[in-house]
Amino acid sequence: MNEQEVMVELLEKGNAFVKKIYMSHGAAELLSGVKMTVIRALQKRIKTDHDLAIALYRTGNGDAMTLAGLIADPKRATAENRIAARIARCRRIARRSSRLAARIARCQRTAGRSSLLAARLEFDASDFGVHGRIG
């Protein structure tokens, strides 16, 4: 399979409801909403193809990037690829942390700052690297 065939298949298998769920969990706007079972089936058909993985990752499509991570050959990954992957991961974590901080602040305002709820929210926030009292 080549990049265009894979992208066409991903776009065909996309689902608006799944896309909405992925976006609520912090996925970027550019994705089709393909279920992981479909991506895993594609992975089984493609097996390992590092060049295709790089091409899919460069598209910026979230579903294609997920598939790229599954079909990439770890032995061929360069230090530059690993650094780029770490930077991308850090950016995703930062976006999730800021969304979590906003959600915690909203919950604290809504709950009237109940001490038990506030302690629970602070504990949850520390799991994601958000420190200190928010709100």
C-alpha atoms as a PDB file:
ATOM      1  CA  MET A   1       0.000   0.000   0.000  1.00  0.00           C
ATOM      2  CA  ASN A   2       1.115   3.549  -0.603  1.00  0.00           C
ATOM      3  CA  GLU A   3       0.367   6.753   1.293  1.00  0.00           C
ATOM      4  CA  GLN A   4      -2.583   7.795  -0.880  1.00  0.00           C
ATOM      5  CA  GLU A   5      -4.315   4.415  -0.630  1.00  0.00           C
ATOM      6  CA  VAL A   6      -3.954   4.419   3.149  1.00  0.00           C
ATOM      7  CA  MET A   7      -5.232   7.995   3.473  1.00  0.00           C
ATOM      8  CA  VAL A   8      -8.249   7.246   1.263  1.00  0.00           C
ATOM      9  CA  GLU A   9      -9.088   4.211   3.378  1.00  0.00           C
ATOM     10  CA  LEU A  10      -8.715   6.186   6.612  1.00  0.00           C
ATOM     11  CA  LEU A  11     -10.969   8.949   5.288  1.00  0.00           C
ATOM     12  CA  GLU A  12     -13.582   6.417   4.162  1.00  0.00           C
ATOM     13  CA  LYS A  13     -13.605   4.657   7.538  1.00  0.00           C
ATOM     14  CA  GLY A  14     -13.862   7.923   9.503  1.00  0.00           C
ATOM     15  CA  ASN A  15     -16.802   8.435  11.839  1.00  0.00           C
ATOM     16  CA  ALA A  16     -18.055  11.834  13.069  1.00  0.00           C
ATOM     17  CA  PHE A  17     -19.110  10.427  16.445  1.00  0.00           C
ATOM     18  CA  VAL A  18     -15.712   8.811  17.050  1.00  0.00           C
ATOM     19  CA  LYS A  19     -14.002  12.037  15.942  1.00  0.00           C
ATOM     20  CA  LYS A  20     -16.025  13.983  18.518  1.00  0.00           C
ATOM     21  CA  ILE A  21     -14.967  11.531  21.250  1.00  0.00           C
ATOM     22  CA  TYR A  22     -11.289  11.708  20.258  1.00  0.00           C
ATOM     23  CA  MET A  23     -11.400  15.508  20.233  1.00  0.00           C
ATOM     24  CA  SER A  24     -12.996  15.580  23.686  1.00  0.00           C
ATOM     25  CA  HIS A  25     -10.023  13.496  24.869  1.00  0.00           C
ATOM     26  CA  GLY A  26      -7.540  16.028  23.491  1.00  0.00           C
ATOM     27  CA  ALA A  27      -6.904  14.951  19.898  1.00  0.00           C
ATOM     28  CA  ALA A  28      -6.034  17.623  17.350  1.00  0.00           C
ATOM     29  CA  GLU A  29      -8.604  18.905  14.862  1.00  0.00           C
ATOM     30  CA  LEU A  30      -7.050  17.131  11.887  1.00  0.00           C
ATOM     31  CA  LEU A  31      -8.354  13.560  12.118  1.00  0.00           C
ATOM     32  CA  SER A  32     -11.051  11.408  10.544  1.00  0.00           C
ATOM     33  CA  GLY A  33     -12.313   9.566  13.618  1.00  0.00           C
ATOM     34  CA  VAL A  34     -11.222   6.060  12.662  1.00  0.00           C
ATOM     35  CA  LYS A  35     -11.778   3.402  15.324  1.00  0.00           C
ATOM     36  CA  MET A  36      -8.679   1.668  16.685  1.00  0.00           C
ATOM     37  CA  THR A  37      -9.972  -1.706  15.495  1.00  0.00           C
ATOM     38  CA  VAL A  38      -9.836  -0.426  11.907  1.00  0.00           C
ATOM     39  CA  ILE A  39      -6.356   1.018  12.434  1.00  0.00           C
ATOM     40  CA  ARG A  40      -5.168  -2.298  13.914  1.00  0.00           C
ATOM     41  CA  ALA A  41      -6.622  -4.169  10.902  1.00  0.00           C
ATOM     42  CA  LEU A  42      -4.703  -1.832   8.586  1.00  0.00           C
ATOM     43  CA  GLN A  43      -1.568  -2.465  10.627  1.00  0.00           C
ATOM     44  CA  LYS A  44      -1.968  -6.221  10.147  1.00  0.00           C
ATOM     45  CA  ARG A  45      -2.347  -5.785   6.385  1.00  0.00           C
ATOM     46  CA  ILE A  46       0.626  -3.423   6.052  1.00  0.00           C
ATOM     47  CA  LYS A  47       2.910  -5.132   8.606  1.00  0.00           C
ATOM     48  CA  THR A  48       6.112  -3.053   9.001  1.00  0.00           C
ATOM     49  CA  ASP A  49       6.846  -0.305   6.484  1.00  0.00           C
ATOM     50  CA  HIS A  50       9.087   2.425   7.858  1.00  0.00           C
ATOM     51  CA  ASP A  51       9.041   4.625   4.747  1.00  0.00           C
ATOM     52  CA  LEU A  52       5.247   4.574   4.665  1.00  0.00           C
ATOM     53  CA  ALA A  53       5.192   5.333   8.393  1.00  0.00           C
ATOM     54  CA  ILE A  54       7.295   8.466   7.879  1.00  0.00           C
ATOM     55  CA  ALA A  55       5.073   9.594   4.994  1.00  0.00           C
ATOM     56  CA  LEU A  56       1.911   9.037   7.056  1.00  0.00           C
ATOM     57  CA  TYR A  57       3.334  10.850  10.065  1.00  0.00           C
ATOM     58  CA  ARG A  58       4.164  13.895   7.940  1.00  0.00           C
ATOM     59  CA  THR A  59       0.525  14.245   6.866  1.00  0.00           C
ATOM     60  CA  GLY A  60      -0.373  15.579  10.309  1.00  0.00           C
ATOM     61  CA  ASN A  61      -3.607  13.562  10.354  1.00  0.00           C
ATOM     62  CA  GLY A  62      -4.105  12.057  13.816  1.00  0.00           C
ATOM     63  CA  ASP A  63      -5.345   8.718  12.536  1.00  0.00           C
ATOM     64  CA  ALA A  64      -2.495   8.435  10.026  1.00  0.00           C
ATOM     65  CA  MET A  65       0.011   9.363  12.731  1.00  0.00           C
ATOM     66  CA  THR A  66      -1.378   6.639  15.002  1.00  0.00           C
ATOM     67  CA  LEU A  67      -1.041   4.080  12.224  1.00  0.00           C
ATOM     68  CA  ALA A  68       2.465   5.364  11.492  1.00  0.00           C
ATOM     69  CA  GLY A  69       3.509   4.644  15.053  1.00  0.00           C
ATOM     70  CA  LEU A  70       2.246   1.083  14.727  1.00  0.00           C
ATOM     71  CA  ILE A  71       3.912   0.235  11.404  1.00  0.00           C
ATOM     72  CA  ALA A  72       7.244   2.008  11.946  1.00  0.00           C
ATOM     73  CA  ASP A  73      10.409  -0.062  12.282  1.00  0.00           C
ATOM     74  CA  PRO A  74      12.059   0.864  15.613  1.00  0.00           C
ATOM     75  CA  LYS A  75      15.439  -0.358  14.344  1.00  0.00           C
ATOM     76  CA  ARG A  76      15.403   2.280  11.594  1.00  0.00           C
ATOM     77  CA  ALA A  77      14.331   5.152  13.830  1.00  0.00           C
ATOM     78  CA  THR A  78      17.011   7.796  14.049  1.00  0.00           C
ATOM     79  CA  ALA A  79      17.804   9.993  17.017  1.00  0.00           C
ATOM     80  CA  GLU A  80      16.165  12.882  15.160  1.00  0.00           C
ATOM     81  CA  ASN A  81      12.912  10.899  14.793  1.00  0.00           C
ATOM     82  CA  ARG A  82      12.934  10.010  18.478  1.00  0.00           C
ATOM     83  CA  ILE A  83      13.511  13.630  19.498  1.00  0.00           C
ATOM     84  CA  ALA A  84      10.677  14.806  17.226  1.00  0.00           C
ATOM     85  CA  ALA A  85       8.382  12.176  18.747  1.00  0.00           C
ATOM     86  CA  ARG A  86       9.275  13.308  22.281  1.00  0.00           C
ATOM     87  CA  ILE A  87       8.606  16.947  21.397  1.00  0.00           C
ATOM     88  CA  ALA A  88       5.212  16.019  19.915  1.00  0.00           C
ATOM     89  CA  ARG A  89       4.386  13.994  23.028  1.00  0.00           C
ATOM     90  CA  CYS A  90       5.335  16.890  25.316  1.00  0.00           C
ATOM     91  CA  ARG A  91       3.096  19.240  23.329  1.00  0.00           C
ATOM     92  CA  ARG A  92       0.153  16.832  23.642  1.00  0.00           C
ATOM     93  CA  ILE A  93       0.723  16.531  27.398  1.00  0.00           C
ATOM     94  CA  ALA A  94       0.893  20.319  27.756  1.00  0.00           C
ATOM     95  CA  ARG A  95      -2.434  20.719  25.911  1.00  0.00           C
ATOM     96  CA  ARG A  96      -4.062  18.067  28.090  1.00  0.00           C
ATOM     97  CA  SER A  97      -2.680  19.657  31.257  1.00  0.00           C
ATOM     98  CA  SER A  98      -4.058  23.077  30.366  1.00  0.00           C
ATOM     99  CA  ARG A  99      -7.467  21.548  29.592  1.00  0.00           C
ATOM    100  CA  LEU A 100      -7.359  19.638  32.875  1.00  0.00           C
ATOM    101  CA  ALA A 101      -6.483  22.814  34.784  1.00  0.00           C
ATOM    102  CA  ALA A 102      -9.458  24.602  33.225  1.00  0.00           C
ATOM    103  CA  ARG A 103     -11.757  21.671  34.069  1.00  0.00           C
ATOM    104  CA  ILE A 104     -10.535  21.592  37.685  1.00  0.00           C
ATOM    105  CA  ALA A 105     -11.059  25.328  38.076  1.00  0.00           C
ATOM    106  CA  ARG A 106     -14.582  25.002  36.676  1.00  0.00           C
ATOM    107  CA  CYS A 107     -15.370  22.105  39.046  1.00  0.00           C
ATOM    108  CA  GLN A 108     -14.050  23.983  42.051  1.00  0.00           C
ATOM    109  CA  ARG A 109     -16.206  27.012  41.265  1.00  0.00           C
ATOM    110  CA  THR A 110     -19.258  24.796  40.745  1.00  0.00           C
ATOM    111  CA  ALA A 111     -18.746  22.737  43.895  1.00  0.00           C
ATOM    112  CA  GLY A 112     -18.502  25.742  46.168  1.00  0.00           C
ATOM    113  CA  ARG A 113     -14.982  24.690  47.138  1.00  0.00           C
ATOM    114  CA  SER A 114     -16.004  21.739  49.247  1.00  0.00           C
ATOM    115  CA  SER A 115     -12.810  20.721  51.068  1.00  0.00           C
ATOM    116  CA  LEU A 116     -13.200  17.025  50.229  1.00  0.00           C
ATOM    117  CA  LEU A 117     -13.865  17.716  46.539  1.00  0.00           C
ATOM    118  CA  ALA A 118     -11.030  20.254  46.362  1.00  0.00           C
ATOM    119  CA  ALA A 119      -8.599  17.738  47.861  1.00  0.00           C
ATOM    120  CA  ARG A 120      -9.725  15.117  45.358  1.00  0.00           C
ATOM    121  CA  LEU A 121      -9.323  17.525  42.441  1.00  0.00           C
ATOM    122  CA  GLU A 122      -5.824  18.514  43.586  1.00  0.00           C
ATOM    123  CA  PHE A 123      -4.883  14.831  43.795  1.00  0.00           C
ATOM    124  CA  ASP A 124      -6.180  14.203  40.257  1.00  0.00           C
ATOM    125  CA  ALA A 125      -4.339  17.248  38.953  1.00  0.00           C
ATOM    126  CA  SER A 126      -1.027  16.096  40.444  1.00  0.00           C
ATOM    127  CA  ASP A 127      -1.312  12.895  38.403  1.00  0.00           C
ATOM    128  CA  PHE A 128      -1.110  15.023  35.263  1.00  0.00           C
ATOM    129  CA  GLY A 129       1.714  17.277  36.404  1.00  0.00           C
ATOM    130  CA  VAL A 130      -0.506  20.217  37.400  1.00  0.00           C
ATOM    131  CA  HIS A 131       0.704  21.353  40.795  1.00  0.00           C
ATOM    132  CA  GLY A 132      -0.718  23.735  43.345  1.00  0.00           C
ATOM    133  CA  ARG A 133      -4.249  24.799  44.067  1.00  0.00           C
ATOM    134  CA  ILE A 134      -6.163  25.915  41.015  1.00  0.00           C
ATOM    135  CA  GLY A 135      -9.023  28.370  41.149  1.00  0.00           C
END
